[in-house]
Each structure stands twice: as structure tokens, then as C-alpha cells.
C-alpha atoms as a PDB file:
ATOM      1  CA  GLU A   1      38.765  21.233 -12.005  1.00  0.00           C
ATOM      2  CA  LYS A   2      38.043  19.299 -14.721  1.00  0.00           C
ATOM      3  CA  ASP A   3      35.832  16.674 -12.381  1.00  0.00           C
ATOM      4  CA  ARG A   4      33.430  19.319 -11.088  1.00  0.00           C
ATOM      5  CA  ILE A   5      30.410  18.796 -12.149  1.00  0.00           C
ATOM      6  CA  THR A   6      28.252  22.252 -12.556  1.00  0.00           C
ATOM      7  CA  ASP A   7      25.244  21.437 -13.960  1.00  0.00           C
ATOM      8  CA  VAL A   8      23.022  18.288 -12.503  1.00  0.00           C
ATOM      9  CA  ILE A   9      20.336  17.492 -15.350  1.00  0.00           C
ATOM     10  CA  LEU A  10      17.827  14.496 -13.375  1.00  0.00           C
ATOM     11  CA  GLN A  11      15.910  12.280 -15.904  1.00  0.00           C
ATOM     12  CA  SER A  12      12.817  13.950 -15.934  1.00  0.00           C
ATOM     13  CA  GLY A  13      14.919  16.709 -17.079  1.00  0.00           C
ATOM     14  CA  ILE A  14      14.999  19.257 -14.092  1.00  0.00           C
ATOM     15  CA  HIS A  15      17.790  20.986 -13.422  1.00  0.00           C
ATOM     16  CA  VAL A  16      19.230  21.079  -9.882  1.00  0.00           C
ATOM     17  CA  LYS A  17      20.774  24.221  -8.679  1.00  0.00           C
ATOM     18  CA  PRO A  18      24.195  23.703  -6.246  1.00  0.00           C
ATOM     19  CA  LEU A  19      22.523  26.087  -3.706  1.00  0.00           C
ATOM     20  CA  TYR A  20      19.469  26.925  -3.443  1.00  0.00           C
ATOM     21  CA  THR A  21      18.140  29.739  -0.617  1.00  0.00           C
ATOM     22  CA  GLY A  22      14.798  31.488   0.085  1.00  0.00           C
ATOM     23  CA  ASP A  23      15.155  33.980  -2.491  1.00  0.00           C
ATOM     24  CA  ASP A  24      14.473  30.391  -4.740  1.00  0.00           C
ATOM     25  CA  LEU A  25      10.822  30.796  -2.850  1.00  0.00           C
ATOM     26  CA  LYS A  26      10.195  33.934  -3.657  1.00  0.00           C
ATOM     27  CA  GLU A  27      10.353  32.910  -7.697  1.00  0.00           C
ATOM     28  CA  ILE A  28       8.479  30.705  -7.118  1.00  0.00           C
ATOM     29  CA  GLY A  29       5.919  32.870  -5.659  1.00  0.00           C
ATOM     30  CA  PHE A  30       5.687  30.726  -3.075  1.00  0.00           C
ATOM     31  CA  ASP A  31       3.280  30.912  -0.352  1.00  0.00           C
ATOM     32  CA  TYR A  32       3.983  29.550   3.290  1.00  0.00           C
ATOM     33  CA  ALA A  33       0.298  29.227   4.319  1.00  0.00           C
ATOM     34  CA  GLU A  34      -1.122  27.960   0.782  1.00  0.00           C
ATOM     35  CA  ASP A  35       1.679  25.812  -0.583  1.00  0.00           C
ATOM     36  CA  LEU A  36       3.081  24.485   2.989  1.00  0.00           C
ATOM     37  CA  GLY A  37       1.074  24.587   6.271  1.00  0.00           C
ATOM     38  CA  ASN A  38       1.811  23.633   9.685  1.00  0.00           C
ATOM     39  CA  SER A  39       1.573  19.975  10.289  1.00  0.00           C
ATOM     40  CA  GLY A  40      -1.883  18.325  10.857  1.00  0.00           C
ATOM     41  CA  GLU A  41      -3.550  21.133   8.494  1.00  0.00           C
ATOM     42  CA  TYR A  42      -4.177  22.291   4.686  1.00  0.00           C
ATOM     43  CA  PRO A  43      -2.474  21.684   2.799  1.00  0.00           C
ATOM     44  CA  PHE A  44      -0.563  18.773   4.526  1.00  0.00           C
ATOM     45  CA  THR A  45       1.995  18.865   2.438  1.00  0.00           C
ATOM     46  CA  ARG A  46       3.651  18.381   5.957  1.00  0.00           C
ATOM     47  CA  GLY A  47       1.429  15.595   7.020  1.00  0.00           C
ATOM     48  CA  ILE A  48      -1.967  14.784   8.409  1.00  0.00           C
ATOM     49  CA  HIS A  49      -0.254  14.780  12.307  1.00  0.00           C
ATOM     50  CA  ARG A  50       0.295  17.721  14.107  1.00  0.00           C
ATOM     51  CA  LEU A  51       3.280  16.783  15.783  1.00  0.00           C
ATOM     52  CA  GLY A  52       4.103  13.967  13.327  1.00  0.00           C
ATOM     53  CA  PHE A  53       6.144  11.080  14.613  1.00  0.00           C
ATOM     54  CA  ARG A  54       6.148  12.500  17.913  1.00  0.00           C
ATOM     55  CA  SER A  55       2.561  11.974  18.649  1.00  0.00           C
ATOM     56  CA  ARG A  56       2.306   9.009  16.203  1.00  0.00           C
ATOM     57  CA  GLU A  57       5.834   6.924  15.235  1.00  0.00           C
ATOM     58  CA  TRP A  58       5.974   5.525  12.305  1.00  0.00           C
ATOM     59  CA  THR A  59       5.005   1.787  11.439  1.00  0.00           C
ATOM     60  CA  THR A  60       8.394  -0.147  10.610  1.00  0.00           C
ATOM     61  CA  ARG A  61       6.992  -3.062   8.860  1.00  0.00           C
ATOM     62  CA  GLN A  62       8.971  -5.284   6.377  1.00  0.00           C
ATOM     63  CA  TYR A  63       7.839  -6.458   3.367  1.00  0.00           C
ATOM     64  CA  THR A  64       7.774 -10.518   4.959  1.00  0.00           C
ATOM     65  CA  GLY A  65       5.969 -13.630   3.140  1.00  0.00           C
ATOM     66  CA  PHE A  66       6.882 -17.042   1.834  1.00  0.00           C
ATOM     67  CA  GLY A  67       6.251 -20.684   1.226  1.00  0.00           C
ATOM     68  CA  ALA A  68       3.608 -22.260   3.694  1.00  0.00           C
ATOM     69  CA  PRO A  69       1.488 -20.337   5.847  1.00  0.00           C
ATOM     70  CA  GLU A  70       3.202 -21.825   8.779  1.00  0.00           C
ATOM     71  CA  GLU A  71       6.885 -20.500   7.743  1.00  0.00           C
ATOM     72  CA  THR A  72       5.100 -17.194   7.170  1.00  0.00           C
ATOM     73  CA  ASN A  73       3.539 -16.873  10.985  1.00  0.00           C
ATOM     74  CA  LYS A  74       7.356 -18.086  12.271  1.00  0.00           C
ATOM     75  CA  ARG A  75       8.797 -15.184  10.606  1.00  0.00           C
ATOM     76  CA  PHE A  76       6.214 -12.465  11.436  1.00  0.00           C
ATOM     77  CA  LYS A  77       6.773 -13.591  15.163  1.00  0.00           C
ATOM     78  CA  LEU A  78      10.207 -13.232  14.580  1.00  0.00           C
ATOM     79  CA  MET A  79      10.546  -9.782  13.032  1.00  0.00           C
ATOM     80  CA  ILE A  80       7.567  -8.884  16.011  1.00  0.00           C
ATOM     81  CA  SER A  81       9.970  -9.906  18.754  1.00  0.00           C
ATOM     82  CA  GLN A  82      13.124  -7.794  16.756  1.00  0.00           C
ATOM     83  CA  GLY A  83      10.824  -4.700  17.422  1.00  0.00           C
ATOM     84  CA  GLN A  84       8.612  -4.942  14.291  1.00  0.00           C
ATOM     85  CA  THR A  85       5.232  -2.589  14.677  1.00  0.00           C
ATOM     86  CA  GLY A  86       3.484  -3.486  11.269  1.00  0.00           C
ATOM     87  CA  LEU A  87       3.017  -6.813   9.161  1.00  0.00           C
ATOM     88  CA  ASN A  88       3.537  -6.061   5.301  1.00  0.00           C
ATOM     89  CA  VAL A  89       2.302  -9.690   3.496  1.00  0.00           C
ATOM     90  CA  ALA A  90       3.357 -10.934   0.513  1.00  0.00           C
ATOM     91  CA  PHE A  91       1.630 -13.065  -1.427  1.00  0.00           C
ATOM     92  CA  ASP A  92       2.707 -16.042  -4.085  1.00  0.00           C
ATOM     93  CA  LEU A  93       2.191 -14.922  -7.556  1.00  0.00           C
ATOM     94  CA  PRO A  94      -0.747 -17.756  -8.318  1.00  0.00           C
ATOM     95  CA  THR A  95      -2.632 -15.720  -4.838  1.00  0.00           C
ATOM     96  CA  GLN A  96      -1.859 -12.535  -6.152  1.00  0.00           C
ATOM     97  CA  MET A  97      -3.932 -13.933  -9.891  1.00  0.00           C
ATOM     98  CA  GLY A  98      -6.762 -15.976  -8.115  1.00  0.00           C
ATOM     99  CA  TYR A  99      -5.463 -19.572  -8.809  1.00  0.00           C
ATOM    100  CA  ASP A 100      -4.995 -22.473  -6.156  1.00  0.00           C
ATOM    101  CA  SER A 101      -1.491 -23.928  -5.375  1.00  0.00           C
ATOM    102  CA  ASP A 102      -2.555 -26.827  -6.941  1.00  0.00           C
ATOM    103  CA  ASP A 103      -3.864 -25.415 -10.354  1.00  0.00           C
ATOM    104  CA  PRO A 104      -1.594 -26.288 -13.791  1.00  0.00           C
ATOM    105  CA  MET A 105      -0.912 -22.510 -13.987  1.00  0.00           C
ATOM    106  CA  ALA A 106       0.548 -22.245 -10.605  1.00  0.00           C
ATOM    107  CA  GLU A 107       3.427 -24.800 -11.474  1.00  0.00           C
ATOM    108  CA  GLY A 108       7.024 -23.197 -10.417  1.00  0.00           C
ATOM    109  CA  GLU A 109       5.828 -20.182  -8.469  1.00  0.00           C
ATOM    110  CA  VAL A 110       3.800 -22.338  -5.419  1.00  0.00           C
ATOM    111  CA  GLY A 111       5.424 -19.968  -2.110  1.00  0.00           C
ATOM    112  CA  ARG A 112       7.309 -18.117  -4.518  1.00  0.00           C
ATOM    113  CA  VAL A 113       7.911 -14.337  -3.665  1.00  0.00           C
ATOM    114  CA  GLY A 114       5.438 -14.413  -0.849  1.00  0.00           C
ATOM    115  CA  MET A 115       2.859 -16.951   0.808  1.00  0.00           C
ATOM    116  CA  ALA A 116       0.588 -19.346  -0.422  1.00  0.00           C
ATOM    117  CA  VAL A 117      -2.641 -18.672   0.470  1.00  0.00           C
ATOM    118  CA  ASP A 118      -5.824 -20.426  -1.190  1.00  0.00           C
ATOM    119  CA  SER A 119      -8.166 -20.769   1.928  1.00  0.00           C
ATOM    120  CA  LEU A 120      -8.908 -19.290   5.502  1.00  0.00           C
ATOM    121  CA  ARG A 121      -7.602 -22.322   7.389  1.00  0.00           C
ATOM    122  CA  ASP A 122      -4.050 -20.087   5.578  1.00  0.00           C
ATOM    123  CA  PHE A 123      -4.498 -16.873   6.778  1.00  0.00           C
ATOM    124  CA  GLU A 124      -5.672 -18.387  10.604  1.00  0.00           C
ATOM    125  CA  ILE A 125      -2.101 -20.302  10.268  1.00  0.00           C
ATOM    126  CA  ALA A 126      -0.029 -17.619   9.260  1.00  0.00           C
ATOM    127  CA  PHE A 127      -1.815 -14.917  12.103  1.00  0.00           C
ATOM    128  CA  LYS A 128      -2.178 -17.463  14.729  1.00  0.00           C
ATOM    129  CA  ASP A 129      -0.844 -15.956  18.337  1.00  0.00           C
ATOM    130  CA  ILE A 130      -0.354 -12.185  16.699  1.00  0.00           C
ATOM    131  CA  ALA A 131      -2.145  -9.230  18.391  1.00  0.00           C
ATOM    132  CA  LEU A 132      -4.025  -7.993  15.667  1.00  0.00           C
ATOM    133  CA  ASP A 133      -5.472  -5.103  17.646  1.00  0.00           C
ATOM    134  CA  ARG A 134      -2.291  -3.863  18.452  1.00  0.00           C
ATOM    135  CA  ILE A 135       0.140  -5.329  15.413  1.00  0.00           C
ATOM    136  CA  GLY A 136      -1.771  -3.520  11.827  1.00  0.00           C
ATOM    137  CA  ALA A 137      -1.230  -5.632   7.908  1.00  0.00           C
ATOM    138  CA  GLY A 138      -0.777  -4.593   4.777  1.00  0.00           C
ATOM    139  CA  LEU A 139      -1.571  -7.080   2.252  1.00  0.00           C
ATOM    140  CA  THR A 140       0.265  -6.396  -0.912  1.00  0.00           C
ATOM    141  CA  ILE A 141      -2.417  -7.764  -3.475  1.00  0.00           C
ATOM    142  CA  ASN A 142      -4.461  -5.927  -5.682  1.00  0.00           C
ATOM    143  CA  ALA A 143      -6.652  -8.227  -8.224  1.00  0.00           C
ATOM    144  CA  VAL A 144      -8.370  -9.954  -5.341  1.00  0.00           C
ATOM    145  CA  ALA A 145      -7.978  -7.573  -2.595  1.00  0.00           C
ATOM    146  CA  SER A 146     -10.985  -8.024  -1.404  1.00  0.00           C
ATOM    147  CA  ILE A 147     -11.165 -11.662  -0.763  1.00  0.00           C
ATOM    148  CA  MET A 148      -8.241 -10.890   1.461  1.00  0.00           C
ATOM    149  CA  LEU A 149      -9.670  -8.351   3.142  1.00  0.00           C
ATOM    150  CA  ALA A 150     -12.516 -10.466   4.454  1.00  0.00           C
ATOM    151  CA  MET A 151     -10.631 -13.321   5.055  1.00  0.00           C
ATOM    152  CA  TYR A 152      -8.102 -10.686   7.308  1.00  0.00           C
ATOM    153  CA  GLN A 153     -11.606  -9.503   8.964  1.00  0.00           C
ATOM    154  CA  ALA A 154     -13.143 -13.119   9.188  1.00  0.00           C
ATOM    155  CA  VAL A 155      -9.852 -14.371  11.115  1.00  0.00           C
ATOM    156  CA  ALA A 156      -9.214 -11.870  13.250  1.00  0.00           C
ATOM    157  CA  GLU A 157     -12.674 -12.007  14.516  1.00  0.00           C
ATOM    158  CA  GLY A 158     -11.962 -15.620  15.254  1.00  0.00           C
ATOM    159  CA  TYR A 159      -9.232 -14.505  17.209  1.00  0.00           C
ATOM    160  CA  GLY A 160     -11.452 -12.581  19.300  1.00  0.00           C
ATOM    161  CA  PHE A 161     -10.842  -9.036  17.809  1.00  0.00           C
ATOM    162  CA  SER A 162     -13.643  -6.637  16.590  1.00  0.00           C
ATOM    163  CA  LYS A 163     -13.528  -5.070  13.084  1.00  0.00           C
ATOM    164  CA  GLU A 164     -14.262  -1.983  14.324  1.00  0.00           C
ATOM    165  CA  LYS A 165     -10.315  -3.016  15.620  1.00  0.00           C
ATOM    166  CA  ILE A 166      -8.509  -4.333  13.399  1.00  0.00           C
ATOM    167  CA  SER A 167      -5.951  -1.716  10.966  1.00  0.00           C
ATOM    168  CA  ALA A 168      -5.711  -3.544   7.882  1.00  0.00           C
ATOM    169  CA  THR A 169      -4.222  -1.481   4.027  1.00  0.00           C
ATOM    170  CA  PRO A 170      -4.705  -4.199   1.271  1.00  0.00           C
ATOM    171  CA  GLN A 171      -2.996  -2.259  -0.977  1.00  0.00           C
ATOM    172  CA  ASN A 172      -6.000  -2.450  -4.153  1.00  0.00           C
ATOM    173  CA  ASP A 173      -4.656  -0.490  -6.745  1.00  0.00           C
ATOM    174  CA  ILE A 174      -5.378  -2.057  -9.813  1.00  0.00           C
ATOM    175  CA  LEU A 175      -5.078   0.380 -11.775  1.00  0.00           C
ATOM    176  CA  LYS A 176      -1.355   0.844 -10.890  1.00  0.00           C
ATOM    177  CA  GLU A 177      -1.405  -2.815 -12.218  1.00  0.00           C
ATOM    178  CA  ILE A 178      -2.769  -1.995 -15.294  1.00  0.00           C
ATOM    179  CA  VAL A 179      -0.441   0.199 -15.932  1.00  0.00           C
ATOM    180  CA  GLY A 180       2.859  -1.136 -14.682  1.00  0.00           C
ATOM    181  CA  ARG A 181       2.917  -4.483 -13.685  1.00  0.00           C
ATOM    182  CA  GLY A 182       0.067  -6.968 -15.254  1.00  0.00           C
ATOM    183  CA  ALA A 183      -1.172  -8.776 -12.403  1.00  0.00           C
ATOM    184  CA  TRP A 184      -5.051  -8.286 -13.112  1.00  0.00           C
ATOM    185  CA  ILE A 185      -7.813 -10.097 -13.928  1.00  0.00           C
ATOM    186  CA  PHE A 186     -11.192  -7.894 -14.102  1.00  0.00           C
ATOM    187  CA  PRO A 187     -11.313  -5.287 -16.591  1.00  0.00           C
ATOM    188  CA  VAL A 188     -10.703  -1.562 -15.995  1.00  0.00           C
ATOM    189  CA  GLU A 189     -14.193  -0.840 -15.748  1.00  0.00           C
ATOM    190  CA  PRO A 190     -15.600  -3.327 -13.276  1.00  0.00           C
ATOM    191  CA  ALA A 191     -11.942  -3.733 -11.476  1.00  0.00           C
ATOM    192  CA  VAL A 192     -12.841   0.023 -10.265  1.00  0.00           C
ATOM    193  CA  HIS A 193     -15.802  -0.368  -9.038  1.00  0.00           C
ATOM    194  CA  LEU A 194     -15.229  -3.497  -7.042  1.00  0.00           C
ATOM    195  CA  ILE A 195     -12.383  -0.907  -5.570  1.00  0.00           C
ATOM    196  CA  GLY A 196     -15.068   1.394  -4.851  1.00  0.00           C
ATOM    197  CA  ASP A 197     -17.009  -1.251  -2.761  1.00  0.00           C
ATOM    198  CA  VAL A 198     -14.229  -2.032  -0.674  1.00  0.00           C
ATOM    199  CA  ILE A 199     -13.872   1.793  -0.075  1.00  0.00           C
ATOM    200  CA  GLU A 200     -17.454   1.849   0.437  1.00  0.00           C
ATOM    201  CA  TYR A 201     -17.173  -1.522   3.123  1.00  0.00           C
ATOM    202  CA  ALA A 202     -13.966   0.061   5.045  1.00  0.00           C
ATOM    203  CA  ILE A 203     -15.791   3.160   5.808  1.00  0.00           C
ATOM    204  CA  LYS A 204     -19.199   1.835   7.097  1.00  0.00           C
ATOM    205  CA  GLU A 205     -17.619  -1.094   8.944  1.00  0.00           C
ATOM    206  CA  MET A 206     -13.127  -0.780   9.445  1.00  0.00           C
ATOM    207  CA  PRO A 207     -12.854   2.375  10.525  1.00  0.00           C
ATOM    208  CA  LYS A 208      -9.550   2.341  10.970  1.00  0.00           C
ATOM    209  CA  ALA A 209      -8.805  -0.270   7.530  1.00  0.00           C
ATOM    210  CA  ASN A 210      -6.709   2.092   4.605  1.00  0.00           C
ATOM    211  CA  PRO A 211      -8.839   0.256   2.109  1.00  0.00           C
ATOM    212  CA  VAL A 212      -6.325   1.087  -0.966  1.00  0.00           C
ATOM    213  CA  SER A 213      -2.430   2.070  -1.395  1.00  0.00           C
ATOM    214  CA  VAL A 214      -1.612   3.942  -4.333  1.00  0.00           C
ATOM    215  CA  CYS A 215       1.767   3.210  -5.289  1.00  0.00           C
ATOM    216  CA  GLY A 216       3.774   4.705  -8.469  1.00  0.00           C
ATOM    217  CA  TYR A 217       6.955   2.352  -7.682  1.00  0.00           C
ATOM    218  CA  HIS A 218       5.601  -0.470  -9.775  1.00  0.00           C
ATOM    219  CA  ILE A 219       5.187   1.929 -12.825  1.00  0.00           C
ATOM    220  CA  ARG A 220       8.130   4.069 -12.488  1.00  0.00           C
ATOM    221  CA  GLU A 221       9.859   0.507 -11.987  1.00  0.00           C
ATOM    222  CA  ALA A 222       8.302  -0.570 -15.640  1.00  0.00           C
ATOM    223  CA  GLY A 223       9.690   2.661 -17.084  1.00  0.00           C
ATOM    224  CA  ALA A 224       8.212   5.646 -16.158  1.00  0.00           C
ATOM    225  CA  THR A 225      10.457   8.955 -15.108  1.00  0.00           C
ATOM    226  CA  PRO A 226      10.116  10.039 -11.133  1.00  0.00           C
ATOM    227  CA  VAL A 227       7.998  13.071 -12.528  1.00  0.00           C
ATOM    228  CA  GLN A 228       5.753  10.291 -14.526  1.00  0.00           C
ATOM    229  CA  GLU A 229       5.663   8.064 -11.999  1.00  0.00           C
ATOM    230  CA  ILE A 230       4.131  11.259  -9.580  1.00  0.00           C
ATOM    231  CA  ALA A 231       1.281  12.137 -12.258  1.00  0.00           C
ATOM    232  CA  TYR A 232       0.336   8.729 -12.619  1.00  0.00           C
ATOM    233  CA  ALA A 233       0.014   7.496  -9.142  1.00  0.00           C
ATOM    234  CA  ILE A 234      -1.960  11.273  -8.702  1.00  0.00           C
ATOM    235  CA  GLN A 235      -4.156  11.334 -11.128  1.00  0.00           C
ATOM    236  CA  ILE A 236      -4.930   7.021 -10.452  1.00  0.00           C
ATOM    237  CA  ALA A 237      -5.271   8.096  -6.819  1.00  0.00           C
ATOM    238  CA  ASN A 238      -7.743  10.969  -8.886  1.00  0.00           C
ATOM    239  CA  ALA A 239      -9.945   8.210 -10.546  1.00  0.00           C
ATOM    240  CA  TYR A 240     -10.675   6.299  -6.911  1.00  0.00           C
ATOM    241  CA  ILE A 241     -11.633   9.523  -5.526  1.00  0.00           C
ATOM    242  CA  GLY A 242     -14.169  10.793  -8.141  1.00  0.00           C
ATOM    243  CA  LEU A 243     -15.877   6.827  -7.554  1.00  0.00           C
ATOM    244  CA  HIS A 244     -18.698   9.407  -6.007  1.00  0.00           C
ATOM    245  CA  ARG A 245     -19.762   7.223  -3.296  1.00  0.00           C
ATOM    246  CA  ASN A 246     -21.983   8.049  -0.706  1.00  0.00           C
ATOM    247  CA  PRO A 247     -20.643   6.391   2.387  1.00  0.00           C
ATOM    248  CA  SER A 248     -23.812   7.367   4.527  1.00  0.00           C
ATOM    249  CA  ALA A 249     -26.304   5.814   1.994  1.00  0.00           C
END
């Protein structure tokens, strides 16, 4: 009896009841159409696809990348052979910060925590013999995301895949880096402007690309509560949406 947990309080200060029923929804004025809705319909709480993962399975992609491009390419192929349906590319810190591997600032960090990329040739090696029209790639990089997306497009086209057919998702969330992680190069205003450029380009030229992947995780790891994590992520997304570009111009 004394070990019974009677009151659970989350780190964010939210009290969690031991049991929830339909009455709890009534208490908060829950409206099915406005607050939940059907899948594939506004407000998209249940996803953007009508049949969810039954019509479009989750992409399986493990965060992968280390050492030289040759090593990463072997790992990519192994993961795909084991059933992985997408790639999630890890880059080393010098690459994330725009340094070449032979720069003194890169000493001791080359090929650690991700793949080292210094040139287009490195991308050619990393993605050799991979069906880039079928296997999408998440490029987990931010400050130089525009460069990496351009290199990915160039390599894909060099291997015979048109930019309209390839799927790529650069993380490209620089405000999250500035707030929670620190891997940024340019000041806030030009950095966000560059994200707008990437979004505009992707809309016009790479329709299957997802030009930004907003992340709250890093802010959470930097000390935010779960509620703050969601709040920061949504506000950062609003900042990108509010760039007021006209992609048809």
C-alpha cells in the first residue's frame, strides 16, 4: 500500500491521472472535427495520409555515417540489404561546420560521429550503386545544408537520376542549432534567409524533397522540458513559414 503511486507529475509539471475516460474529453470541450478529425484531413492530427501507414509505410532509416565515404557506402549497402528503406546520413563535425578535413580546426574530429565530406567526389563515393530514385536520403546537417543538398542533387543527376525524382530531407534547422546545439556559422538573419532560399528552390526544382526538418530533440537535450521542447519547435517552424516567399514568382 505504501508503495502505491497516487500522483504522477511529469517534469513539465503536468499531473497524470491513473485513468482517463470520455468524460475527460468533455471537461476540456473536445471537438472531434476541430481537435482530431479523420486522418488525411484538417487539422491533420492523425497524419497527412488518409490510410496512414497502410497506404504509405514508415521509412526505416538508421542514422549512419562514419570515417571515409568508402566506409559509409559499405554501411549504406549493408543497411539496405537488411531491409532499410531510406538513408539518414551522419556527417562529422568538421563537415557540419564547413571545415575541410585538413584544416587545423578539424584535427582529431575527422570521420568521428559521421562521414567526412570535403568534395563532390566524396558524395559520389558515398552514394555509388544506390538507387536514389527509390531510396530517399536524410541529410542530417544544418549550417551547410544548402551545399550538401546541392551536392546530393549533382551526384544523383550524375548517376542518371533526375532532380524531380529524388527524395532528400536536409535537416536545415539552423534556429534549433543556435538555441540548443551551437553548430552554426552565419548570424541569425542571413542563416534564416538561406533556409528560405533552400525552401524556395526545393519547391520549384525538387518537388520530392523536404527542405527543412524541424527538430525539438536537440533543445530538449540542452535542458528544455518536454513542453518547452514542443513550444520551441513549433515557434521555430512558424519562423520558417513566416518568411513570406512567393514560390511561383
